[in-house]
Amino acid sequence: MPFAAQETRLDLLQVPGPDDEAGTRQCVAEVRVRPDALRRLGLHPDQPTARVTGTPPPAWWHAEAERLAARRHG
């Protein structure tokens, strides 16, 4: 792993589930990495997230990628 143990933090949380009246709980894992450790990899904490900001590829693109992956690994 490119990070030292003191550069990362893993928090495990239990939060109310979608049907809180039933008393169900969900587990959430949160990973934090120190900004200086990200900079070593050419990243920085002010970069935008990895959310999709444009239009997604057409449906055939996904189907072709899955077909090729199945042929290579199946």
Protein backbone atom coordinates (compact mmCIF):
# COMPACT_ATOMS: atom_id res chain seq x y z
CA MET A 1 0.00 0.00 0.00
CA PRO A 2 1.42 3.43 -0.84
CA PHE A 3 0.54 4.88 2.59
CA ALA A 4 2.11 4.40 5.99
CA ALA A 5 -0.20 3.34 8.81
CA GLN A 6 -0.06 6.76 10.49
CA GLU A 7 -1.18 8.44 7.24
CA THR A 8 -4.51 6.65 7.09
CA ARG A 9 -7.51 6.28 9.33
CA LEU A 10 -10.34 3.76 9.13
CA ASP A 11 -13.56 4.46 11.00
CA LEU A 12 -16.24 1.78 11.27
CA LEU A 13 -19.66 3.17 12.14
CA GLN A 14 -23.11 1.78 12.79
CA VAL A 15 -25.92 4.04 11.67
CA PRO A 16 -29.70 3.64 11.61
CA GLY A 17 -30.87 1.57 8.67
CA PRO A 18 -33.42 2.61 6.04
CA ASP A 19 -36.24 1.18 8.16
CA ASP A 20 -35.22 2.64 11.51
CA GLU A 21 -38.48 1.58 13.19
CA ALA A 22 -37.44 -2.08 12.83
CA GLY A 23 -34.20 -1.33 14.68
CA THR A 24 -31.96 -2.40 11.81
CA ARG A 25 -28.48 -0.94 11.57
CA GLN A 26 -26.13 -0.37 8.66
CA CYS A 27 -22.35 -0.56 8.85
CA VAL A 28 -20.37 2.21 7.20
CA ALA A 29 -16.61 2.24 6.59
CA GLU A 30 -14.93 5.62 6.22
CA VAL A 31 -11.33 5.83 5.02
CA ARG A 32 -9.34 9.01 5.50
CA VAL A 33 -5.89 9.74 4.07
CA ARG A 34 -3.70 12.65 5.17
CA PRO A 35 -3.34 15.39 2.51
CA ASP A 36 0.48 15.20 2.38
CA ALA A 37 0.25 11.47 1.59
CA LEU A 38 -2.10 12.22 -1.32
CA ARG A 39 0.25 14.89 -2.68
CA ARG A 40 3.04 12.30 -2.99
CA LEU A 41 0.82 10.47 -5.48
CA GLY A 42 0.11 13.62 -7.48
CA LEU A 43 -3.27 14.16 -5.83
CA HIS A 44 -4.40 16.94 -3.56
CA PRO A 45 -7.30 17.37 -1.15
CA ASP A 46 -8.85 20.24 -3.15
CA GLN A 47 -9.48 18.11 -6.24
CA PRO A 48 -13.11 17.49 -7.12
CA THR A 49 -14.54 14.13 -6.24
CA ALA A 50 -14.79 11.23 -8.66
CA ARG A 51 -18.45 11.86 -9.37
CA VAL A 52 -19.66 11.72 -12.95
CA THR A 53 -20.01 15.25 -14.25
CA GLY A 54 -20.74 14.57 -17.91
CA THR A 55 -23.05 12.34 -19.84
CA PRO A 56 -22.45 8.60 -19.36
CA PRO A 57 -21.22 6.42 -22.24
CA PRO A 58 -23.92 4.85 -24.42
CA ALA A 59 -25.42 1.51 -23.38
CA TRP A 60 -23.63 -0.39 -26.16
CA TRP A 61 -20.28 0.68 -24.69
CA HIS A 62 -21.03 -1.05 -21.38
CA ALA A 63 -22.37 -4.15 -23.14
CA GLU A 64 -19.26 -4.40 -25.32
CA ALA A 65 -16.95 -4.01 -22.30
CA GLU A 66 -18.79 -6.80 -20.47
CA ARG A 67 -18.67 -9.04 -23.56
CA LEU A 68 -14.91 -8.52 -23.95
CA ALA A 69 -14.28 -9.13 -20.25
CA ALA A 70 -16.27 -12.38 -20.35
CA ARG A 71 -14.30 -13.55 -23.37
CA ARG A 72 -10.96 -12.83 -21.66
CA HIS A 73 -11.84 -14.27 -18.26
CA GLY A 74 -14.55 -16.76 -19.03
